[in-house]
Amino acid sequence: MGLIELVRTNLLWSEAPYLVVILLVLMFVGWRLRWRVLTCLVFGLFCFCLFFFRNPARVCPQVVCDDAIIVCPADGKVVAIDRLQQGEFAQRVAIFLSLFDAHVNWLPVSGTIEQIVYTPGTFGFAHRAKSSIYNERNEVVIQTLAGDMVMVRQIAGAIARRIACWVNEGQHVVVGRKFGMIKFGSRVELLLPEDTELSVTIGQRVYGGQTILGRFVRG
């Protein structure tokens, strides 16, 4: 596979076009002028760019025959599971994304985007619980066809400085599809209703679009 094909198929191009072009130009200039140190440095940054902006294809086969399943919205480690009372939401699952995790975000359920609320804030360490209050964040509320409400909260971290969201209010979405990205270390929280049975535990490693986070309990 050639370099261009590798970039095209493995890179989340929409989120890193200028960075990739600049690195390729610098690498070419360094190679032409035989500046070995510069060439090696830029090549290392280019490889990291391919790694960080990777766009993995994920499938959770169980969702095809069970619309009560909730899929993990992000790669990372489950750092908190707690109770809360925030409108229709009674449970919260927090996933911390390190610098080495894929940073795209997946839709946990199918349904309609009811609301998107962006809140500016600080850029504290995303593994801390208070980051969901003080850090820059984006909240996406989804209503399933059965009427269940869930919220995905994208939270920027100490290094992350940009949250990308690719869906709009009123849009119909499908579970397992990608809907956004947080750049360079972050946190994703999933807020769920009372009648939800979780399948993950604190400390567990999860994979967005693939790991089953839980299911709605419907009488």
C-alpha atoms as a PDB file:
ATOM      1  CA  MET A   1       0.000   0.000   0.000  1.00  0.00           C
ATOM      2  CA  GLY A   2       1.433   3.380  -1.011  1.00  0.00           C
ATOM      3  CA  LEU A   3       1.758   6.356   1.326  1.00  0.00           C
ATOM      4  CA  ILE A   4      -1.148   8.255  -0.259  1.00  0.00           C
ATOM      5  CA  GLU A   5      -3.444   5.218  -0.015  1.00  0.00           C
ATOM      6  CA  LEU A   6      -2.403   4.675   3.622  1.00  0.00           C
ATOM      7  CA  VAL A   7      -3.340   8.254   4.490  1.00  0.00           C
ATOM      8  CA  ARG A   8      -6.629   8.099   2.567  1.00  0.00           C
ATOM      9  CA  THR A   9      -7.903   4.891   4.171  1.00  0.00           C
ATOM     10  CA  ASN A  10      -6.641   5.214   7.744  1.00  0.00           C
ATOM     11  CA  LEU A  11      -6.792   8.917   8.531  1.00  0.00           C
ATOM     12  CA  LEU A  12      -9.785  10.919   9.693  1.00  0.00           C
ATOM     13  CA  TRP A  13      -9.006  13.400   6.927  1.00  0.00           C
ATOM     14  CA  SER A  14     -11.706  15.946   7.735  1.00  0.00           C
ATOM     15  CA  GLU A  15     -10.086  16.720  11.096  1.00  0.00           C
ATOM     16  CA  ALA A  16      -6.438  16.982  10.032  1.00  0.00           C
ATOM     17  CA  PRO A  17      -6.112  18.245   6.440  1.00  0.00           C
ATOM     18  CA  TYR A  18      -3.752  21.172   6.978  1.00  0.00           C
ATOM     19  CA  LEU A  19      -1.611  19.320   9.506  1.00  0.00           C
ATOM     20  CA  VAL A  20      -1.040  16.408   7.138  1.00  0.00           C
ATOM     21  CA  VAL A  21      -0.237  18.658   4.172  1.00  0.00           C
ATOM     22  CA  ILE A  22       2.198  20.792   6.197  1.00  0.00           C
ATOM     23  CA  LEU A  23       4.013  17.732   7.537  1.00  0.00           C
ATOM     24  CA  LEU A  24       4.269  16.183   4.075  1.00  0.00           C
ATOM     25  CA  VAL A  25       5.686  19.426   2.634  1.00  0.00           C
ATOM     26  CA  LEU A  26       8.224  19.768   5.463  1.00  0.00           C
ATOM     27  CA  MET A  27       9.249  16.149   5.064  1.00  0.00           C
ATOM     28  CA  PHE A  28       9.745  16.618   1.310  1.00  0.00           C
ATOM     29  CA  VAL A  29      11.778  19.818   1.823  1.00  0.00           C
ATOM     30  CA  GLY A  30      13.958  18.173   4.450  1.00  0.00           C
ATOM     31  CA  TRP A  31      14.563  15.186   2.194  1.00  0.00           C
ATOM     32  CA  ARG A  32      15.430  17.354  -0.829  1.00  0.00           C
ATOM     33  CA  LEU A  33      17.826  19.529   1.190  1.00  0.00           C
ATOM     34  CA  ARG A  34      19.239  16.478   3.011  1.00  0.00           C
ATOM     35  CA  TRP A  35      18.376  17.876   6.434  1.00  0.00           C
ATOM     36  CA  ARG A  36      18.269  14.479   8.069  1.00  0.00           C
ATOM     37  CA  VAL A  37      17.372  15.635  11.565  1.00  0.00           C
ATOM     38  CA  LEU A  38      14.435  17.696  10.303  1.00  0.00           C
ATOM     39  CA  THR A  39      13.277  14.882   8.020  1.00  0.00           C
ATOM     40  CA  CYS A  40      13.358  12.308  10.826  1.00  0.00           C
ATOM     41  CA  LEU A  41      11.588  14.649  13.252  1.00  0.00           C
ATOM     42  CA  VAL A  42       8.821  15.497  10.792  1.00  0.00           C
ATOM     43  CA  PHE A  43       8.452  11.850   9.824  1.00  0.00           C
ATOM     44  CA  GLY A  44       7.967  10.974  13.494  1.00  0.00           C
ATOM     45  CA  LEU A  45       5.275  13.659  13.834  1.00  0.00           C
ATOM     46  CA  PHE A  46       3.624  12.418  10.653  1.00  0.00           C
ATOM     47  CA  CYS A  47       3.487   8.846  11.990  1.00  0.00           C
ATOM     48  CA  PHE A  48       1.975  10.120  15.243  1.00  0.00           C
ATOM     49  CA  CYS A  49      -0.593  12.071  13.235  1.00  0.00           C
ATOM     50  CA  LEU A  50      -1.600   8.905  11.380  1.00  0.00           C
ATOM     51  CA  PHE A  51      -1.846   7.097  14.719  1.00  0.00           C
ATOM     52  CA  PHE A  52      -3.807   9.746  16.589  1.00  0.00           C
ATOM     53  CA  PHE A  53      -6.266  10.609  13.806  1.00  0.00           C
ATOM     54  CA  ARG A  54      -6.858   6.958  12.931  1.00  0.00           C
ATOM     55  CA  ASN A  55     -10.379   6.045  11.928  1.00  0.00           C
ATOM     56  CA  PRO A  56     -11.065   2.452  13.046  1.00  0.00           C
ATOM     57  CA  ALA A  57     -14.012   0.541  11.621  1.00  0.00           C
ATOM     58  CA  ARG A  58     -16.055  -1.062  14.411  1.00  0.00           C
ATOM     59  CA  VAL A  59     -19.104  -3.322  14.438  1.00  0.00           C
ATOM     60  CA  CYS A  60     -21.359  -4.522  17.242  1.00  0.00           C
ATOM     61  CA  PRO A  61     -23.392  -7.347  15.636  1.00  0.00           C
ATOM     62  CA  GLN A  62     -25.821  -7.636  18.570  1.00  0.00           C
ATOM     63  CA  VAL A  63     -27.492  -4.283  17.835  1.00  0.00           C
ATOM     64  CA  VAL A  64     -28.964  -5.670  14.621  1.00  0.00           C
ATOM     65  CA  CYS A  65     -31.429  -7.873  16.498  1.00  0.00           C
ATOM     66  CA  ASP A  66     -31.730  -5.997  19.812  1.00  0.00           C
ATOM     67  CA  ASP A  67     -32.581  -2.283  19.835  1.00  0.00           C
ATOM     68  CA  ALA A  68     -32.315  -2.152  23.651  1.00  0.00           C
ATOM     69  CA  ILE A  69     -28.515  -2.459  23.528  1.00  0.00           C
ATOM     70  CA  ILE A  70     -26.359   0.584  24.344  1.00  0.00           C
ATOM     71  CA  VAL A  71     -22.912   0.693  22.724  1.00  0.00           C
ATOM     72  CA  CYS A  72     -19.856   2.418  24.196  1.00  0.00           C
ATOM     73  CA  PRO A  73     -19.390   5.882  22.656  1.00  0.00           C
ATOM     74  CA  ALA A  74     -15.583   5.959  22.968  1.00  0.00           C
ATOM     75  CA  ASP A  75     -12.363   4.006  23.403  1.00  0.00           C
ATOM     76  CA  GLY A  76     -10.690   4.198  26.791  1.00  0.00           C
ATOM     77  CA  LYS A  77     -11.021   3.120  30.408  1.00  0.00           C
ATOM     78  CA  VAL A  78     -14.172   3.368  32.516  1.00  0.00           C
ATOM     79  CA  VAL A  79     -13.156   5.691  35.355  1.00  0.00           C
ATOM     80  CA  ALA A  80     -16.516   6.295  37.043  1.00  0.00           C
ATOM     81  CA  ILE A  81     -20.008   4.870  37.348  1.00  0.00           C
ATOM     82  CA  ASP A  82     -22.305   6.852  39.568  1.00  0.00           C
ATOM     83  CA  ARG A  83     -25.855   7.835  40.344  1.00  0.00           C
ATOM     84  CA  LEU A  84     -27.232  11.279  39.714  1.00  0.00           C
ATOM     85  CA  GLN A  85     -30.491  13.129  39.350  1.00  0.00           C
ATOM     86  CA  GLN A  86     -30.371  15.309  36.266  1.00  0.00           C
ATOM     87  CA  GLY A  87     -33.826  15.436  34.724  1.00  0.00           C
ATOM     88  CA  GLU A  88     -34.542  12.081  33.110  1.00  0.00           C
ATOM     89  CA  PHE A  89     -30.970  10.883  33.685  1.00  0.00           C
ATOM     90  CA  ALA A  90     -30.181   8.780  36.759  1.00  0.00           C
ATOM     91  CA  GLN A  91     -26.894   7.050  35.863  1.00  0.00           C
ATOM     92  CA  ARG A  92     -23.574   8.210  34.484  1.00  0.00           C
ATOM     93  CA  VAL A  93     -20.694   6.251  32.973  1.00  0.00           C
ATOM     94  CA  ALA A  94     -17.419   8.137  32.416  1.00  0.00           C
ATOM     95  CA  ILE A  95     -14.729   6.970  29.984  1.00  0.00           C
ATOM     96  CA  PHE A  96     -11.247   8.509  29.985  1.00  0.00           C
ATOM     97  CA  LEU A  97      -9.400   8.655  26.660  1.00  0.00           C
ATOM     98  CA  SER A  98      -5.620   8.747  26.908  1.00  0.00           C
ATOM     99  CA  LEU A  99      -3.327  10.183  24.261  1.00  0.00           C
ATOM    100  CA  PHE A 100      -3.006   6.701  22.755  1.00  0.00           C
ATOM    101  CA  ASP A 101      -6.720   5.954  22.329  1.00  0.00           C
ATOM    102  CA  ALA A 102      -8.666   6.474  19.102  1.00  0.00           C
ATOM    103  CA  HIS A 103     -10.423   9.805  19.652  1.00  0.00           C
ATOM    104  CA  VAL A 104     -13.422   9.484  17.379  1.00  0.00           C
ATOM    105  CA  ASN A 105     -16.802   9.134  19.135  1.00  0.00           C
ATOM    106  CA  TRP A 106     -19.547   6.649  18.266  1.00  0.00           C
ATOM    107  CA  LEU A 107     -23.318   6.906  18.641  1.00  0.00           C
ATOM    108  CA  PRO A 108     -24.460   4.662  21.524  1.00  0.00           C
ATOM    109  CA  VAL A 109     -28.042   4.251  20.251  1.00  0.00           C
ATOM    110  CA  SER A 110     -30.213   4.868  17.222  1.00  0.00           C
ATOM    111  CA  GLY A 111     -32.774   7.653  17.324  1.00  0.00           C
ATOM    112  CA  THR A 112     -33.201  11.388  16.841  1.00  0.00           C
ATOM    113  CA  ILE A 113     -30.872  14.150  18.021  1.00  0.00           C
ATOM    114  CA  GLU A 114     -33.115  16.139  20.374  1.00  0.00           C
ATOM    115  CA  GLN A 115     -30.615  18.729  21.566  1.00  0.00           C
ATOM    116  CA  ILE A 116     -26.975  19.768  21.258  1.00  0.00           C
ATOM    117  CA  VAL A 117     -25.547  22.125  23.870  1.00  0.00           C
ATOM    118  CA  TYR A 118     -21.974  23.454  23.694  1.00  0.00           C
ATOM    119  CA  THR A 119     -20.524  24.986  26.860  1.00  0.00           C
ATOM    120  CA  PRO A 120     -17.150  26.782  26.870  1.00  0.00           C
ATOM    121  CA  GLY A 121     -14.926  26.172  29.867  1.00  0.00           C
ATOM    122  CA  THR A 122     -11.453  25.414  31.167  1.00  0.00           C
ATOM    123  CA  PHE A 123      -9.048  22.675  30.059  1.00  0.00           C
ATOM    124  CA  GLY A 124      -8.346  20.806  33.285  1.00  0.00           C
ATOM    125  CA  PHE A 125      -7.306  17.161  33.505  1.00  0.00           C
ATOM    126  CA  ALA A 126     -10.120  15.069  32.018  1.00  0.00           C
ATOM    127  CA  HIS A 127      -9.700  12.121  34.407  1.00  0.00           C
ATOM    128  CA  ARG A 128     -10.997  14.272  37.270  1.00  0.00           C
ATOM    129  CA  ALA A 129     -14.711  14.170  38.030  1.00  0.00           C
ATOM    130  CA  LYS A 130     -15.016  17.964  38.168  1.00  0.00           C
ATOM    131  CA  SER A 131     -13.993  18.188  34.501  1.00  0.00           C
ATOM    132  CA  SER A 132     -17.633  17.480  33.561  1.00  0.00           C
ATOM    133  CA  ILE A 133     -18.575  20.736  35.340  1.00  0.00           C
ATOM    134  CA  TYR A 134     -15.729  23.123  34.559  1.00  0.00           C
ATOM    135  CA  ASN A 135     -14.161  21.905  31.304  1.00  0.00           C
ATOM    136  CA  GLU A 136     -15.230  22.820  27.793  1.00  0.00           C
ATOM    137  CA  ARG A 137     -17.895  20.308  26.773  1.00  0.00           C
ATOM    138  CA  ASN A 138     -20.522  19.402  24.221  1.00  0.00           C
ATOM    139  CA  GLU A 139     -23.718  17.559  25.185  1.00  0.00           C
ATOM    140  CA  VAL A 140     -25.675  15.544  22.616  1.00  0.00           C
ATOM    141  CA  VAL A 141     -29.122  14.296  23.690  1.00  0.00           C
ATOM    142  CA  ILE A 142     -30.611  11.392  21.713  1.00  0.00           C
ATOM    143  CA  GLN A 143     -34.129   9.978  21.912  1.00  0.00           C
ATOM    144  CA  THR A 144     -34.527   6.390  20.748  1.00  0.00           C
ATOM    145  CA  LEU A 145     -37.493   5.141  18.734  1.00  0.00           C
ATOM    146  CA  ALA A 146     -38.813   3.557  21.947  1.00  0.00           C
ATOM    147  CA  GLY A 147     -38.661   6.913  23.743  1.00  0.00           C
ATOM    148  CA  ASP A 148     -35.530   6.315  25.846  1.00  0.00           C
ATOM    149  CA  MET A 149     -33.332   9.378  26.389  1.00  0.00           C
ATOM    150  CA  VAL A 150     -29.530   9.312  26.560  1.00  0.00           C
ATOM    151  CA  MET A 151     -26.915  12.050  26.643  1.00  0.00           C
ATOM    152  CA  VAL A 152     -23.366  11.816  25.337  1.00  0.00           C
ATOM    153  CA  ARG A 153     -21.108  14.431  26.885  1.00  0.00           C
ATOM    154  CA  GLN A 154     -17.849  15.202  25.064  1.00  0.00           C
ATOM    155  CA  ILE A 155     -15.354  16.830  27.448  1.00  0.00           C
ATOM    156  CA  ALA A 156     -12.085  18.468  26.419  1.00  0.00           C
ATOM    157  CA  GLY A 157      -8.980  17.753  28.501  1.00  0.00           C
ATOM    158  CA  ALA A 158      -5.745  19.483  29.485  1.00  0.00           C
ATOM    159  CA  ILE A 159      -4.223  18.934  26.044  1.00  0.00           C
ATOM    160  CA  ALA A 160      -7.422  18.688  24.003  1.00  0.00           C
ATOM    161  CA  ARG A 161      -8.415  22.073  22.619  1.00  0.00           C
ATOM    162  CA  ARG A 162     -11.132  21.250  20.128  1.00  0.00           C
ATOM    163  CA  ILE A 163     -14.332  19.249  20.193  1.00  0.00           C
ATOM    164  CA  ALA A 164     -15.803  18.216  16.842  1.00  0.00           C
ATOM    165  CA  CYS A 165     -19.477  17.264  16.483  1.00  0.00           C
ATOM    166  CA  TRP A 166     -20.773  16.103  13.103  1.00  0.00           C
ATOM    167  CA  VAL A 167     -24.513  15.750  13.830  1.00  0.00           C
ATOM    168  CA  ASN A 168     -27.325  18.307  14.013  1.00  0.00           C
ATOM    169  CA  GLU A 169     -30.491  18.714  16.058  1.00  0.00           C
ATOM    170  CA  GLY A 170     -33.432  16.868  14.512  1.00  0.00           C
ATOM    171  CA  GLN A 171     -31.181  14.473  12.615  1.00  0.00           C
ATOM    172  CA  HIS A 172     -31.957  10.742  12.650  1.00  0.00           C
ATOM    173  CA  VAL A 173     -28.861   8.747  13.627  1.00  0.00           C
ATOM    174  CA  VAL A 174     -27.854   5.087  13.681  1.00  0.00           C
ATOM    175  CA  VAL A 175     -26.095   3.281  16.527  1.00  0.00           C
ATOM    176  CA  GLY A 176     -22.416   2.595  15.898  1.00  0.00           C
ATOM    177  CA  ARG A 177     -21.907   5.441  13.440  1.00  0.00           C
ATOM    178  CA  LYS A 178     -19.256   8.061  14.224  1.00  0.00           C
ATOM    179  CA  PHE A 179     -20.588  11.450  15.292  1.00  0.00           C
ATOM    180  CA  GLY A 180     -17.606  13.454  16.538  1.00  0.00           C
ATOM    181  CA  MET A 181     -14.077  13.658  17.883  1.00  0.00           C
ATOM    182  CA  ILE A 182     -12.110  15.216  20.745  1.00  0.00           C
ATOM    183  CA  LYS A 183      -8.490  15.983  19.978  1.00  0.00           C
ATOM    184  CA  PHE A 184      -5.565  14.948  22.210  1.00  0.00           C
ATOM    185  CA  GLY A 185      -6.754  13.342  25.452  1.00  0.00           C
ATOM    186  CA  SER A 186     -10.278  13.753  26.771  1.00  0.00           C
ATOM    187  CA  ARG A 187     -13.315  12.297  28.560  1.00  0.00           C
ATOM    188  CA  VAL A 188     -16.678  11.046  27.330  1.00  0.00           C
ATOM    189  CA  GLU A 189     -19.649  10.580  29.653  1.00  0.00           C
ATOM    190  CA  LEU A 190     -22.871   8.738  28.915  1.00  0.00           C
ATOM    191  CA  LEU A 191     -25.933   9.761  30.944  1.00  0.00           C
ATOM    192  CA  LEU A 192     -28.697   7.175  31.104  1.00  0.00           C
ATOM    193  CA  PRO A 193     -32.204   6.734  32.527  1.00  0.00           C
ATOM    194  CA  GLU A 194     -33.013   4.738  35.672  1.00  0.00           C
ATOM    195  CA  ASP A 195     -34.225   1.682  33.796  1.00  0.00           C
ATOM    196  CA  THR A 196     -30.782   0.837  32.383  1.00  0.00           C
ATOM    197  CA  GLU A 197     -28.768  -2.279  33.171  1.00  0.00           C
ATOM    198  CA  LEU A 198     -25.009  -1.707  32.813  1.00  0.00           C
ATOM    199  CA  SER A 199     -22.577  -4.286  31.442  1.00  0.00           C
ATOM    200  CA  VAL A 200     -19.300  -2.474  32.233  1.00  0.00           C
ATOM    201  CA  THR A 201     -17.328  -1.966  35.447  1.00  0.00           C
ATOM    202  CA  ILE A 202     -14.900   0.664  36.721  1.00  0.00           C
ATOM    203  CA  GLY A 203     -11.400   0.046  35.386  1.00  0.00           C
ATOM    204  CA  GLN A 204     -12.628  -1.886  32.362  1.00  0.00           C
ATOM    205  CA  ARG A 205     -11.103  -1.215  28.961  1.00  0.00           C
ATOM    206  CA  VAL A 206     -13.814  -0.477  26.388  1.00  0.00           C
ATOM    207  CA  TYR A 207     -13.937   0.101  22.641  1.00  0.00           C
ATOM    208  CA  GLY A 208     -16.231   2.621  20.991  1.00  0.00           C
ATOM    209  CA  GLY A 209     -18.793   1.254  18.550  1.00  0.00           C
ATOM    210  CA  GLN A 210     -18.074  -2.304  19.668  1.00  0.00           C
ATOM    211  CA  THR A 211     -18.256  -2.883  23.441  1.00  0.00           C
ATOM    212  CA  ILE A 212     -21.765  -3.266  24.861  1.00  0.00           C
ATOM    213  CA  LEU A 213     -22.124  -0.720  27.678  1.00  0.00           C
ATOM    214  CA  GLY A 214     -25.569  -1.871  28.813  1.00  0.00           C
ATOM    215  CA  ARG A 215     -29.188  -2.190  27.785  1.00  0.00           C
ATOM    216  CA  PHE A 216     -32.538  -0.569  28.427  1.00  0.00           C
ATOM    217  CA  VAL A 217     -34.812  -2.613  30.682  1.00  0.00           C
ATOM    218  CA  ARG A 218     -38.258  -2.463  29.144  1.00  0.00           C
ATOM    219  CA  GLY A 219     -41.224  -4.050  30.865  1.00  0.00           C
END
